[in-house]
Amino acid sequence: MRASRNGPRQPRGLRVLGWAFLTAARLVLADPAPPESHLCDAAHPQQAKAVADELYEKGEYQRAGECYQAAGDASGAQLAFLKAVGPNSEANARALNDQQQAAKALLAKLHQAVHSGDR
C-alpha cells in the first residue's frame, strides 16, 4: 500500500465492502413499512358503529377498531385491534424475511464482485 498525505490508502474493494455492509445492515434492521391506516369516515357515532360491524365481518379488524373507537365502543375497538394483531404480525414477519433475503443476496453479489477483482 502506498502512503499519502492523509494516511495509508485503503484498497478500493475494502471501502466498497464497508459501504455494502453498512447498507445491508440498514436494510436488515429497517422497520417494515406500516400498513396504510384509514380513519373511520362515518359522520356520527351510530353510523361509525354500523360501519365497524360491517368491517369486522369482512375481517378488516384494524379499520373496524378505528370505527368502534369513533363510535365510543372501547371494548369493541379493543377486540377488533386484538384480532388485527395476528395478521399484521405475520405480514411484518414476511416483510422482515424478505428484507433479510435481499440483504443476503446483496452481500453475496458484493462478495463476488470484490473477489472477482482478485483474480
PDB file of N, CA and C in Angstrom:
ATOM      1  N   MET A   1       0.832  -1.176   0.000  1.00  0.00           N
ATOM      2  CA  MET A   1       0.000   0.000   0.000  1.00  0.00           C
ATOM      3  C   MET A   1       0.874   1.235   0.000  1.00  0.00           C
ATOM      4  N   ARG A   2       0.380   2.224  -0.609  1.00  0.00           N
ATOM      5  CA  ARG A   2       1.101   3.470  -0.728  1.00  0.00           C
ATOM      6  C   ARG A   2       0.570   4.461   0.292  1.00  0.00           C
ATOM      7  N   ALA A   3       1.449   5.151   0.977  1.00  0.00           N
ATOM      8  CA  ALA A   3       1.046   6.156   1.965  1.00  0.00           C
ATOM      9  C   ALA A   3       0.834   7.486   1.266  1.00  0.00           C
ATOM     10  N   SER A   4      -0.159   8.217   1.710  1.00  0.00           N
ATOM     11  CA  SER A   4      -0.404   9.550   1.166  1.00  0.00           C
ATOM     12  C   SER A   4      -0.309  10.555   2.300  1.00  0.00           C
ATOM     13  N   ARG A   5      -0.593  11.800   1.970  1.00  0.00           N
ATOM     14  CA  ARG A   5      -0.519  12.842   2.994  1.00  0.00           C
ATOM     15  C   ARG A   5      -1.557  12.627   4.091  1.00  0.00           C
ATOM     16  N   ASN A   6      -2.660  12.000   3.784  1.00  0.00           N
ATOM     17  CA  ASN A   6      -3.745  11.822   4.745  1.00  0.00           C
ATOM     18  C   ASN A   6      -3.684  10.477   5.459  1.00  0.00           C
ATOM     19  N   GLY A   7      -2.628   9.752   5.343  1.00  0.00           N
ATOM     20  CA  GLY A   7      -2.506   8.455   5.989  1.00  0.00           C
ATOM     21  C   GLY A   7      -2.456   7.340   4.960  1.00  0.00           C
ATOM     22  N   PRO A   8      -2.458   6.090   5.425  1.00  0.00           N
ATOM     23  CA  PRO A   8      -2.378   4.978   4.490  1.00  0.00           C
ATOM     24  C   PRO A   8      -3.622   4.895   3.623  1.00  0.00           C
ATOM     25  N   ARG A   9      -3.423   4.489   2.392  1.00  0.00           N
ATOM     26  CA  ARG A   9      -4.518   4.396   1.433  1.00  0.00           C
ATOM     27  C   ARG A   9      -5.148   3.012   1.527  1.00  0.00           C
ATOM     28  N   GLN A  10      -6.475   2.971   1.628  1.00  0.00           N
ATOM     29  CA  GLN A  10      -7.176   1.696   1.720  1.00  0.00           C
ATOM     30  C   GLN A  10      -7.505   1.190   0.316  1.00  0.00           C
ATOM     31  N   PRO A  11      -7.464  -0.118   0.133  1.00  0.00           N
ATOM     32  CA  PRO A  11      -7.856  -0.651  -1.168  1.00  0.00           C
ATOM     33  C   PRO A  11      -9.318  -0.302  -1.459  1.00  0.00           C
ATOM     34  N   ARG A  12      -9.607  -0.084  -2.706  1.00  0.00           N
ATOM     35  CA  ARG A  12     -10.959   0.307  -3.109  1.00  0.00           C
ATOM     36  C   ARG A  12     -11.980  -0.757  -2.739  1.00  0.00           C
ATOM     37  N   GLY A  13     -11.640  -2.011  -2.913  1.00  0.00           N
ATOM     38  CA  GLY A  13     -12.561  -3.099  -2.597  1.00  0.00           C
ATOM     39  C   GLY A  13     -12.973  -3.103  -1.143  1.00  0.00           C
ATOM     40  N   LEU A  14     -12.057  -2.740  -0.259  1.00  0.00           N
ATOM     41  CA  LEU A  14     -12.361  -2.706   1.174  1.00  0.00           C
ATOM     42  C   LEU A  14     -13.358  -1.594   1.487  1.00  0.00           C
ATOM     43  N   ARG A  15     -13.195  -0.457   0.843  1.00  0.00           N
ATOM     44  CA  ARG A  15     -14.150   0.633   1.056  1.00  0.00           C
ATOM     45  C   ARG A  15     -15.523   0.258   0.529  1.00  0.00           C
ATOM     46  N   VAL A  16     -15.580  -0.364  -0.632  1.00  0.00           N
ATOM     47  CA  VAL A  16     -16.857  -0.793  -1.206  1.00  0.00           C
ATOM     48  C   VAL A  16     -17.509  -1.821  -0.297  1.00  0.00           C
ATOM     49  N   LEU A  17     -16.715  -2.737   0.205  1.00  0.00           N
ATOM     50  CA  LEU A  17     -17.235  -3.758   1.109  1.00  0.00           C
ATOM     51  C   LEU A  17     -17.801  -3.122   2.379  1.00  0.00           C
ATOM     52  N   GLY A  18     -17.117  -2.140   2.915  1.00  0.00           N
ATOM     53  CA  GLY A  18     -17.596  -1.440   4.108  1.00  0.00           C
ATOM     54  C   GLY A  18     -18.921  -0.745   3.866  1.00  0.00           C
ATOM     55  N   TRP A  19     -19.026  -0.043   2.743  1.00  0.00           N
ATOM     56  CA  TRP A  19     -20.289   0.626   2.413  1.00  0.00           C
ATOM     57  C   TRP A  19     -21.399  -0.387   2.202  1.00  0.00           C
ATOM     58  N   ALA A  20     -21.078  -1.493   1.574  1.00  0.00           N
ATOM     59  CA  ALA A  20     -22.095  -2.514   1.335  1.00  0.00           C
ATOM     60  C   ALA A  20     -22.602  -3.106   2.644  1.00  0.00           C
ATOM     61  N   PHE A  21     -21.688  -3.353   3.584  1.00  0.00           N
ATOM     62  CA  PHE A  21     -22.102  -3.882   4.879  1.00  0.00           C
ATOM     63  C   PHE A  21     -22.992  -2.886   5.619  1.00  0.00           C
ATOM     64  N   LEU A  22     -22.639  -1.621   5.563  1.00  0.00           N
ATOM     65  CA  LEU A  22     -23.474  -0.603   6.209  1.00  0.00           C
ATOM     66  C   LEU A  22     -24.854  -0.539   5.565  1.00  0.00           C
ATOM     67  N   THR A  23     -24.903  -0.592   4.245  1.00  0.00           N
ATOM     68  CA  THR A  23     -26.183  -0.559   3.543  1.00  0.00           C
ATOM     69  C   THR A  23     -27.007  -1.790   3.867  1.00  0.00           C
ATOM     70  N   ALA A  24     -26.369  -2.946   3.855  1.00  0.00           N
ATOM     71  CA  ALA A  24     -27.086  -4.186   4.153  1.00  0.00           C
ATOM     72  C   ALA A  24     -27.603  -4.185   5.587  1.00  0.00           C
ATOM     73  N   ALA A  25     -26.814  -3.677   6.511  1.00  0.00           N
ATOM     74  CA  ALA A  25     -27.251  -3.627   7.906  1.00  0.00           C
ATOM     75  C   ALA A  25     -28.462  -2.722   8.057  1.00  0.00           C
ATOM     76  N   ARG A  26     -28.461  -1.600   7.373  1.00  0.00           N
ATOM     77  CA  ARG A  26     -29.616  -0.696   7.438  1.00  0.00           C
ATOM     78  C   ARG A  26     -30.837  -1.348   6.835  1.00  0.00           C
ATOM     79  N   LEU A  27     -30.649  -2.103   5.752  1.00  0.00           N
ATOM     80  CA  LEU A  27     -31.764  -2.784   5.110  1.00  0.00           C
ATOM     81  C   LEU A  27     -32.352  -3.849   6.022  1.00  0.00           C
ATOM     82  N   VAL A  28     -31.504  -4.621   6.647  1.00  0.00           N
ATOM     83  CA  VAL A  28     -31.967  -5.694   7.527  1.00  0.00           C
ATOM     84  C   VAL A  28     -32.643  -5.134   8.771  1.00  0.00           C
ATOM     85  N   LEU A  29     -32.110  -4.064   9.327  1.00  0.00           N
ATOM     86  CA  LEU A  29     -32.638  -3.513  10.566  1.00  0.00           C
ATOM     87  C   LEU A  29     -33.787  -2.536  10.359  1.00  0.00           C
ATOM     88  N   ALA A  30     -34.078  -2.202   9.115  1.00  0.00           N
ATOM     89  CA  ALA A  30     -35.154  -1.244   8.851  1.00  0.00           C
ATOM     90  C   ALA A  30     -36.501  -1.844   9.231  1.00  0.00           C
ATOM     91  N   ASP A  31     -37.369  -1.005   9.744  1.00  0.00           N
ATOM     92  CA  ASP A  31     -38.713  -1.453  10.071  1.00  0.00           C
ATOM     93  C   ASP A  31     -39.502  -1.632   8.788  1.00  0.00           C
ATOM     94  N   PRO A  32     -40.301  -2.672   8.734  1.00  0.00           N
ATOM     95  CA  PRO A  32     -41.175  -2.811   7.576  1.00  0.00           C
ATOM     96  C   PRO A  32     -42.153  -1.646   7.527  1.00  0.00           C
ATOM     97  N   ALA A  33     -42.539  -1.315   6.347  1.00  0.00           N
ATOM     98  CA  ALA A  33     -43.487  -0.221   6.221  1.00  0.00           C
ATOM     99  C   ALA A  33     -44.799  -0.589   6.881  1.00  0.00           C
ATOM    100  N   PRO A  34     -45.343   0.329   7.677  1.00  0.00           N
ATOM    101  CA  PRO A  34     -46.609   0.009   8.325  1.00  0.00           C
ATOM    102  C   PRO A  34     -47.738  -0.039   7.306  1.00  0.00           C
ATOM    103  N   PRO A  35     -48.731  -0.886   7.530  1.00  0.00           N
ATOM    104  CA  PRO A  35     -49.850  -0.918   6.604  1.00  0.00           C
ATOM    105  C   PRO A  35     -50.590   0.420   6.650  1.00  0.00           C
ATOM    106  N   GLU A  36     -51.162   0.790   5.530  1.00  0.00           N
ATOM    107  CA  GLU A  36     -51.861   2.059   5.456  1.00  0.00           C
ATOM    108  C   GLU A  36     -53.064   2.039   6.391  1.00  0.00           C
ATOM    109  N   SER A  37     -53.209   3.077   7.159  1.00  0.00           N
ATOM    110  CA  SER A  37     -54.296   3.154   8.123  1.00  0.00           C
ATOM    111  C   SER A  37     -55.339   4.143   7.637  1.00  0.00           C
ATOM    112  N   HIS A  38     -56.598   3.771   7.729  1.00  0.00           N
ATOM    113  CA  HIS A  38     -57.707   4.634   7.344  1.00  0.00           C
ATOM    114  C   HIS A  38     -58.502   4.974   8.592  1.00  0.00           C
ATOM    115  N   LEU A  39     -58.812   6.228   8.748  1.00  0.00           N
ATOM    116  CA  LEU A  39     -59.677   6.619   9.840  1.00  0.00           C
ATOM    117  C   LEU A  39     -61.114   6.345   9.428  1.00  0.00           C
ATOM    118  N   CYS A  40     -61.956   6.171  10.398  1.00  0.00           N
ATOM    119  CA  CYS A  40     -63.353   5.886  10.119  1.00  0.00           C
ATOM    120  C   CYS A  40     -64.002   7.116   9.477  1.00  0.00           C
ATOM    121  N   ASP A  41     -64.673   6.906   8.368  1.00  0.00           N
ATOM    122  CA  ASP A  41     -65.270   8.005   7.611  1.00  0.00           C
ATOM    123  C   ASP A  41     -66.743   8.220   7.955  1.00  0.00           C
ATOM    124  N   ALA A  42     -67.180   7.763   9.104  1.00  0.00           N
ATOM    125  CA  ALA A  42     -68.583   7.902   9.484  1.00  0.00           C
ATOM    126  C   ALA A  42     -68.868   9.322   9.974  1.00  0.00           C
ATOM    127  N   ALA A  43     -70.098   9.770   9.700  1.00  0.00           N
ATOM    128  CA  ALA A  43     -70.484  11.130  10.073  1.00  0.00           C
ATOM    129  C   ALA A  43     -70.866  11.241  11.547  1.00  0.00           C
ATOM    130  N   HIS A  44     -71.433  10.189  12.133  1.00  0.00           N
ATOM    131  CA  HIS A  44     -71.848  10.236  13.536  1.00  0.00           C
ATOM    132  C   HIS A  44     -71.622   8.871  14.181  1.00  0.00           C
ATOM    133  N   PRO A  45     -71.641   8.788  15.507  1.00  0.00           N
ATOM    134  CA  PRO A  45     -71.313   7.544  16.211  1.00  0.00           C
ATOM    135  C   PRO A  45     -72.160   6.335  15.813  1.00  0.00           C
ATOM    136  N   GLN A  46     -73.453   6.538  15.568  1.00  0.00           N
ATOM    137  CA  GLN A  46     -74.298   5.397  15.178  1.00  0.00           C
ATOM    138  C   GLN A  46     -73.849   4.832  13.827  1.00  0.00           C
ATOM    139  N   GLN A  47     -73.515   5.716  12.917  1.00  0.00           N
ATOM    140  CA  GLN A  47     -73.032   5.272  11.611  1.00  0.00           C
ATOM    141  C   GLN A  47     -71.664   4.595  11.761  1.00  0.00           C
ATOM    142  N   ALA A  48     -70.807   5.121  12.631  1.00  0.00           N
ATOM    143  CA  ALA A  48     -69.492   4.531  12.857  1.00  0.00           C
ATOM    144  C   ALA A  48     -69.623   3.104  13.386  1.00  0.00           C
ATOM    145  N   LYS A  49     -70.586   2.884  14.270  1.00  0.00           N
ATOM    146  CA  LYS A  49     -70.817   1.532  14.814  1.00  0.00           C
ATOM    147  C   LYS A  49     -71.249   0.574  13.709  1.00  0.00           C
ATOM    148  N   ALA A  50     -72.149   1.019  12.834  1.00  0.00           N
ATOM    149  CA  ALA A  50     -72.615   0.179  11.732  1.00  0.00           C
ATOM    150  C   ALA A  50     -71.473  -0.139  10.763  1.00  0.00           C
ATOM    151  N   VAL A  51     -70.660   0.863  10.462  1.00  0.00           N
ATOM    152  CA  VAL A  51     -69.508   0.660   9.573  1.00  0.00           C
ATOM    153  C   VAL A  51     -68.523  -0.303  10.235  1.00  0.00           C
ATOM    154  N   ALA A  52     -68.305  -0.137  11.537  1.00  0.00           N
ATOM    155  CA  ALA A  52     -67.385  -1.008  12.269  1.00  0.00           C
ATOM    156  C   ALA A  52     -67.852  -2.461  12.217  1.00  0.00           C
ATOM    157  N   ASP A  53     -69.139  -2.675  12.442  1.00  0.00           N
ATOM    158  CA  ASP A  53     -69.676  -4.042  12.392  1.00  0.00           C
ATOM    159  C   ASP A  53     -69.468  -4.668  11.016  1.00  0.00           C
ATOM    160  N   GLU A  54     -69.695  -3.872   9.986  1.00  0.00           N
ATOM    161  CA  GLU A  54     -69.526  -4.367   8.610  1.00  0.00           C
ATOM    162  C   GLU A  54     -68.057  -4.707   8.328  1.00  0.00           C
ATOM    163  N   LEU A  55     -67.155  -3.817   8.738  1.00  0.00           N
ATOM    164  CA  LEU A  55     -65.723  -4.060   8.529  1.00  0.00           C
ATOM    165  C   LEU A  55     -65.252  -5.282   9.315  1.00  0.00           C
ATOM    166  N   TYR A  56     -65.767  -5.436  10.512  1.00  0.00           N
ATOM    167  CA  TYR A  56     -65.392  -6.581  11.351  1.00  0.00           C
ATOM    168  C   TYR A  56     -65.805  -7.887  10.675  1.00  0.00           C
ATOM    169  N   GLU A  57     -67.012  -7.908  10.123  1.00  0.00           N
ATOM    170  CA  GLU A  57     -67.497  -9.106   9.430  1.00  0.00           C
ATOM    171  C   GLU A  57     -66.640  -9.434   8.199  1.00  0.00           C
ATOM    172  N   LYS A  58     -66.083  -8.405   7.561  1.00  0.00           N
ATOM    173  CA  LYS A  58     -65.223  -8.598   6.382  1.00  0.00           C
ATOM    174  C   LYS A  58     -63.805  -9.000   6.767  1.00  0.00           C
ATOM    175  N   GLY A  59     -63.483  -8.932   8.075  1.00  0.00           N
ATOM    176  CA  GLY A  59     -62.129  -9.269   8.516  1.00  0.00           C
ATOM    177  C   GLY A  59     -61.166  -8.100   8.474  1.00  0.00           C
ATOM    178  N   GLU A  60     -61.680  -6.892   8.283  1.00  0.00           N
ATOM    179  CA  GLU A  60     -60.841  -5.691   8.277  1.00  0.00           C
ATOM    180  C   GLU A  60     -60.816  -5.127   9.700  1.00  0.00           C
ATOM    181  N   TYR A  61     -60.107  -5.854  10.568  1.00  0.00           N
ATOM    182  CA  TYR A  61     -60.164  -5.589  12.002  1.00  0.00           C
ATOM    183  C   TYR A  61     -59.556  -4.253  12.406  1.00  0.00           C
ATOM    184  N   GLN A  62     -58.472  -3.840  11.773  1.00  0.00           N
ATOM    185  CA  GLN A  62     -57.830  -2.572  12.117  1.00  0.00           C
ATOM    186  C   GLN A  62     -58.797  -1.418  11.869  1.00  0.00           C
ATOM    187  N   ARG A  63     -59.364  -1.378  10.693  1.00  0.00           N
ATOM    188  CA  ARG A  63     -60.312  -0.301  10.364  1.00  0.00           C
ATOM    189  C   ARG A  63     -61.562  -0.398  11.218  1.00  0.00           C
ATOM    190  N   ALA A  64     -62.017  -1.627  11.501  1.00  0.00           N
ATOM    191  CA  ALA A  64     -63.189  -1.800  12.361  1.00  0.00           C
ATOM    192  C   ALA A  64     -62.905  -1.218  13.740  1.00  0.00           C
ATOM    193  N   GLY A  65     -61.718  -1.461  14.281  1.00  0.00           N
ATOM    194  CA  GLY A  65     -61.345  -0.915  15.579  1.00  0.00           C
ATOM    195  C   GLY A  65     -61.378   0.601  15.590  1.00  0.00           C
ATOM    196  N   GLU A  66     -60.906   1.208  14.501  1.00  0.00           N
ATOM    197  CA  GLU A  66     -60.938   2.669  14.411  1.00  0.00           C
ATOM    198  C   GLU A  66     -62.372   3.187  14.426  1.00  0.00           C
ATOM    199  N   CYS A  67     -63.262   2.472  13.734  1.00  0.00           N
ATOM    200  CA  CYS A  67     -64.663   2.892  13.711  1.00  0.00           C
ATOM    201  C   CYS A  67     -65.342   2.644  15.057  1.00  0.00           C
ATOM    202  N   TYR A  68     -64.999   1.531  15.711  1.00  0.00           N
ATOM    203  CA  TYR A  68     -65.552   1.304  17.056  1.00  0.00           C
ATOM    204  C   TYR A  68     -65.111   2.418  18.004  1.00  0.00           C
ATOM    205  N   GLN A  69     -63.861   2.859  17.861  1.00  0.00           N
ATOM    206  CA  GLN A  69     -63.390   3.972  18.692  1.00  0.00           C
ATOM    207  C   GLN A  69     -64.191   5.235  18.401  1.00  0.00           C
ATOM    208  N   ALA A  70     -64.414   5.514  17.116  1.00  0.00           N
ATOM    209  CA  ALA A  70     -65.182   6.704  16.739  1.00  0.00           C
ATOM    210  C   ALA A  70     -66.613   6.628  17.272  1.00  0.00           C
ATOM    211  N   ALA A  71     -67.127   5.395  17.403  1.00  0.00           N
ATOM    212  CA  ALA A  71     -68.482   5.207  17.917  1.00  0.00           C
ATOM    213  C   ALA A  71     -68.518   5.237  19.440  1.00  0.00           C
ATOM    214  N   GLY A  72     -67.367   5.251  20.088  1.00  0.00           N
ATOM    215  CA  GLY A  72     -67.302   5.264  21.542  1.00  0.00           C
ATOM    216  C   GLY A  72     -67.394   3.883  22.166  1.00  0.00           C
ATOM    217  N   ASP A  73     -67.193   2.845  21.362  1.00  0.00           N
ATOM    218  CA  ASP A  73     -67.267   1.456  21.844  1.00  0.00           C
ATOM    219  C   ASP A  73     -65.846   0.956  22.106  1.00  0.00           C
ATOM    220  N   ALA A  74     -65.343   1.219  23.319  1.00  0.00           N
ATOM    221  CA  ALA A  74     -63.957   0.871  23.651  1.00  0.00           C
ATOM    222  C   ALA A  74     -63.723  -0.632  23.634  1.00  0.00           C
ATOM    223  N   SER A  75     -64.665  -1.423  24.161  1.00  0.00           N
ATOM    224  CA  SER A  75     -64.451  -2.872  24.199  1.00  0.00           C
ATOM    225  C   SER A  75     -64.480  -3.466  22.788  1.00  0.00           C
ATOM    226  N   GLY A  76     -65.360  -2.968  21.930  1.00  0.00           N
ATOM    227  CA  GLY A  76     -65.385  -3.426  20.535  1.00  0.00           C
ATOM    228  C   GLY A  76     -64.100  -3.073  19.817  1.00  0.00           C
ATOM    229  N   ALA A  77     -63.587  -1.871  20.098  1.00  0.00           N
ATOM    230  CA  ALA A  77     -62.330  -1.437  19.480  1.00  0.00           C
ATOM    231  C   ALA A  77     -61.177  -2.320  19.930  1.00  0.00           C
ATOM    232  N   GLN A  78     -61.123  -2.614  21.233  1.00  0.00           N
ATOM    233  CA  GLN A  78     -60.041  -3.465  21.746  1.00  0.00           C
ATOM    234  C   GLN A  78     -60.085  -4.853  21.117  1.00  0.00           C
ATOM    235  N   LEU A  79     -61.268  -5.414  21.014  1.00  0.00           N
ATOM    236  CA  LEU A  79     -61.399  -6.749  20.418  1.00  0.00           C
ATOM    237  C   LEU A  79     -60.953  -6.738  18.959  1.00  0.00           C
ATOM    238  N   ALA A  80     -61.385  -5.734  18.222  1.00  0.00           N
ATOM    239  CA  ALA A  80     -61.002  -5.638  16.808  1.00  0.00           C
ATOM    240  C   ALA A  80     -59.496  -5.453  16.660  1.00  0.00           C
ATOM    241  N   PHE A  81     -58.910  -4.597  17.485  1.00  0.00           N
ATOM    242  CA  PHE A  81     -57.465  -4.375  17.397  1.00  0.00           C
ATOM    243  C   PHE A  81     -56.693  -5.642  17.761  1.00  0.00           C
ATOM    244  N   LEU A  82     -57.175  -6.390  18.740  1.00  0.00           N
ATOM    245  CA  LEU A  82     -56.514  -7.655  19.095  1.00  0.00           C
ATOM    246  C   LEU A  82     -56.577  -8.649  17.937  1.00  0.00           C
ATOM    247  N   LYS A  83     -57.695  -8.681  17.247  1.00  0.00           N
ATOM    248  CA  LYS A  83     -57.807  -9.571  16.083  1.00  0.00           C
ATOM    249  C   LYS A  83     -56.880  -9.113  14.956  1.00  0.00           C
ATOM    250  N   ALA A  84     -56.657  -7.806  14.851  1.00  0.00           N
ATOM    251  CA  ALA A  84     -55.807  -7.268  13.786  1.00  0.00           C
ATOM    252  C   ALA A  84     -54.339  -7.578  14.015  1.00  0.00           C
ATOM    253  N   VAL A  85     -53.942  -7.801  15.251  1.00  0.00           N
ATOM    254  CA  VAL A  85     -52.530  -8.022  15.577  1.00  0.00           C
ATOM    255  C   VAL A  85     -51.983  -9.268  14.889  1.00  0.00           C
ATOM    256  N   GLY A  86     -52.736 -10.346  14.856  1.00  0.00           N
ATOM    257  CA  GLY A  86     -52.258 -11.595  14.247  1.00  0.00           C
ATOM    258  C   GLY A  86     -51.842 -11.432  12.802  1.00  0.00           C
ATOM    259  N   PRO A  87     -52.748 -10.999  11.911  1.00  0.00           N
ATOM    260  CA  PRO A  87     -52.368 -10.835  10.508  1.00  0.00           C
ATOM    261  C   PRO A  87     -51.255  -9.806  10.305  1.00  0.00           C
ATOM    262  N   ASN A  88     -51.274  -8.725  11.081  1.00  0.00           N
ATOM    263  CA  ASN A  88     -50.219  -7.718  10.939  1.00  0.00           C
ATOM    264  C   ASN A  88     -48.865  -8.286  11.342  1.00  0.00           C
ATOM    265  N   SER A  89     -48.824  -9.099  12.393  1.00  0.00           N
ATOM    266  CA  SER A  89     -47.564  -9.703  12.829  1.00  0.00           C
ATOM    267  C   SER A  89     -47.021 -10.641  11.759  1.00  0.00           C
ATOM    268  N   GLU A  90     -47.903 -11.410  11.140  1.00  0.00           N
ATOM    269  CA  GLU A  90     -47.471 -12.315  10.075  1.00  0.00           C
ATOM    270  C   GLU A  90     -46.941 -11.532   8.878  1.00  0.00           C
ATOM    271  N   ALA A  91     -47.619 -10.448   8.516  1.00  0.00           N
ATOM    272  CA  ALA A  91     -47.155  -9.620   7.396  1.00  0.00           C
ATOM    273  C   ALA A  91     -45.803  -8.998   7.712  1.00  0.00           C
ATOM    274  N   ASN A  92     -45.629  -8.538   8.947  1.00  0.00           N
ATOM    275  CA  ASN A  92     -44.338  -7.956   9.340  1.00  0.00           C
ATOM    276  C   ASN A  92     -43.235  -8.998   9.321  1.00  0.00           C
ATOM    277  N   ALA A  93     -43.539 -10.209   9.758  1.00  0.00           N
ATOM    278  CA  ALA A  93     -42.540 -11.280   9.741  1.00  0.00           C
ATOM    279  C   ALA A  93     -42.139 -11.612   8.305  1.00  0.00           C
ATOM    280  N   ARG A  94     -43.116 -11.657   7.400  1.00  0.00           N
ATOM    281  CA  ARG A  94     -42.802 -11.924   5.988  1.00  0.00           C
ATOM    282  C   ARG A  94     -41.952 -10.797   5.407  1.00  0.00           C
ATOM    283  N   ALA A  95     -42.308  -9.553   5.728  1.00  0.00           N
ATOM    284  CA  ALA A  95     -41.543  -8.412   5.210  1.00  0.00           C
ATOM    285  C   ALA A  95     -40.110  -8.435   5.735  1.00  0.00           C
ATOM    286  N   LEU A  96     -39.936  -8.765   7.008  1.00  0.00           N
ATOM    287  CA  LEU A  96     -38.600  -8.849   7.582  1.00  0.00           C
ATOM    288  C   LEU A  96     -37.796  -9.952   6.899  1.00  0.00           C
ATOM    289  N   ASN A  97     -38.416 -11.095   6.672  1.00  0.00           N
ATOM    290  CA  ASN A  97     -37.733 -12.193   5.990  1.00  0.00           C
ATOM    291  C   ASN A  97     -37.316 -11.770   4.580  1.00  0.00           C
ATOM    292  N   ASP A  98     -38.197 -11.067   3.872  1.00  0.00           N
ATOM    293  CA  ASP A  98     -37.865 -10.594   2.527  1.00  0.00           C
ATOM    294  C   ASP A  98     -36.669  -9.636   2.565  1.00  0.00           C
ATOM    295  N   GLN A  99     -36.645  -8.764   3.569  1.00  0.00           N
ATOM    296  CA  GLN A  99     -35.519  -7.837   3.699  1.00  0.00           C
ATOM    297  C   GLN A  99     -34.223  -8.576   4.008  1.00  0.00           C
ATOM    298  N   GLN A 100     -34.292  -9.595   4.845  1.00  0.00           N
ATOM    299  CA  GLN A 100     -33.099 -10.377   5.166  1.00  0.00           C
ATOM    300  C   GLN A 100     -32.579 -11.095   3.927  1.00  0.00           C
ATOM    301  N   GLN A 101     -33.484 -11.659   3.137  1.00  0.00           N
ATOM    302  CA  GLN A 101     -33.061 -12.353   1.923  1.00  0.00           C
ATOM    303  C   GLN A 101     -32.428 -11.376   0.932  1.00  0.00           C
ATOM    304  N   ALA A 102     -32.990 -10.172   0.826  1.00  0.00           N
ATOM    305  CA  ALA A 102     -32.418  -9.162  -0.066  1.00  0.00           C
ATOM    306  C   ALA A 102     -31.025  -8.758   0.402  1.00  0.00           C
ATOM    307  N   ALA A 103     -30.845  -8.619   1.706  1.00  0.00           N
ATOM    308  CA  ALA A 103     -29.531  -8.260   2.246  1.00  0.00           C
ATOM    309  C   ALA A 103     -28.518  -9.367   1.979  1.00  0.00           C
ATOM    310  N   LYS A 104     -28.929 -10.620   2.149  1.00  0.00           N
ATOM    311  CA  LYS A 104     -28.026 -11.743   1.876  1.00  0.00           C
ATOM    312  C   LYS A 104     -27.626 -11.765   0.413  1.00  0.00           C
ATOM    313  N   ALA A 105     -28.587 -11.519  -0.474  1.00  0.00           N
ATOM    314  CA  ALA A 105     -28.286 -11.509  -1.913  1.00  0.00           C
ATOM    315  C   ALA A 105     -27.324 -10.371  -2.245  1.00  0.00           C
ATOM    316  N   LEU A 106     -27.536  -9.218  -1.635  1.00  0.00           N
ATOM    317  CA  LEU A 106     -26.648  -8.084  -1.861  1.00  0.00           C
ATOM    318  C   LEU A 106     -25.229  -8.402  -1.397  1.00  0.00           C
ATOM    319  N   LEU A 107     -25.113  -8.999  -0.229  1.00  0.00           N
ATOM    320  CA  LEU A 107     -23.790  -9.352   0.284  1.00  0.00           C
ATOM    321  C   LEU A 107     -23.108 -10.402  -0.595  1.00  0.00           C
ATOM    322  N   ALA A 108     -23.872 -11.366  -1.095  1.00  0.00           N
ATOM    323  CA  ALA A 108     -23.291 -12.383  -1.971  1.00  0.00           C
ATOM    324  C   ALA A 108     -22.767 -11.749  -3.261  1.00  0.00           C
ATOM    325  N   LYS A 109     -23.539 -10.813  -3.825  1.00  0.00           N
ATOM    326  CA  LYS A 109     -23.101 -10.125  -5.050  1.00  0.00           C
ATOM    327  C   LYS A 109     -21.858  -9.279  -4.776  1.00  0.00           C
ATOM    328  N   LEU A 110     -21.864  -8.620  -3.636  1.00  0.00           N
ATOM    329  CA  LEU A 110     -20.717  -7.795  -3.272  1.00  0.00           C
ATOM    330  C   LEU A 110     -19.477  -8.655  -3.073  1.00  0.00           C
ATOM    331  N   HIS A 111     -19.638  -9.756  -2.389  1.00  0.00           N
ATOM    332  CA  HIS A 111     -18.525 -10.682  -2.158  1.00  0.00           C
ATOM    333  C   HIS A 111     -17.964 -11.166  -3.491  1.00  0.00           C
ATOM    334  N   GLN A 112     -18.865 -11.512  -4.393  1.00  0.00           N
ATOM    335  CA  GLN A 112     -18.439 -11.988  -5.714  1.00  0.00           C
ATOM    336  C   GLN A 112     -17.715 -10.869  -6.464  1.00  0.00           C
ATOM    337  N   ALA A 113     -18.221  -9.647  -6.387  1.00  0.00           N
ATOM    338  CA  ALA A 113     -17.595  -8.531  -7.101  1.00  0.00           C
ATOM    339  C   ALA A 113     -16.214  -8.218  -6.532  1.00  0.00           C
ATOM    340  N   VAL A 114     -16.081  -8.252  -5.216  1.00  0.00           N
ATOM    341  CA  VAL A 114     -14.798  -7.951  -4.589  1.00  0.00           C
ATOM    342  C   VAL A 114     -13.776  -9.016  -4.935  1.00  0.00           C
ATOM    343  N   HIS A 115     -14.193 -10.275  -4.881  1.00  0.00           N
ATOM    344  CA  HIS A 115     -13.241 -11.361  -5.126  1.00  0.00           C
ATOM    345  C   HIS A 115     -12.990 -11.602  -6.594  1.00  0.00           C
ATOM    346  N   SER A 116     -13.833 -11.121  -7.500  1.00  0.00           N
ATOM    347  CA  SER A 116     -13.553 -11.285  -8.924  1.00  0.00           C
ATOM    348  C   SER A 116     -12.402 -10.374  -9.355  1.00  0.00           C
ATOM    349  N   GLY A 117     -12.169  -9.302  -8.609  1.00  0.00           N
ATOM    350  CA  GLY A 117     -11.031  -8.408  -8.883  1.00  0.00           C
ATOM    351  C   GLY A 117      -9.706  -8.965  -8.408  1.00  0.00           C
ATOM    352  N   ASP A 118      -9.749  -9.983  -7.531  1.00  0.00           N
ATOM    353  CA  ASP A 118      -8.516 -10.578  -7.002  1.00  0.00           C
ATOM    354  C   ASP A 118      -7.869 -11.532  -7.989  1.00  0.00           C
ATOM    355  N   ARG A 119      -8.582 -11.959  -8.985  1.00  0.00           N
ATOM    356  CA  ARG A 119      -8.057 -12.967  -9.917  1.00  0.00           C
ATOM    357  C   ARG A 119      -7.171 -12.388 -10.961  1.00  0.00           C
TER     358      ARG A 119
END
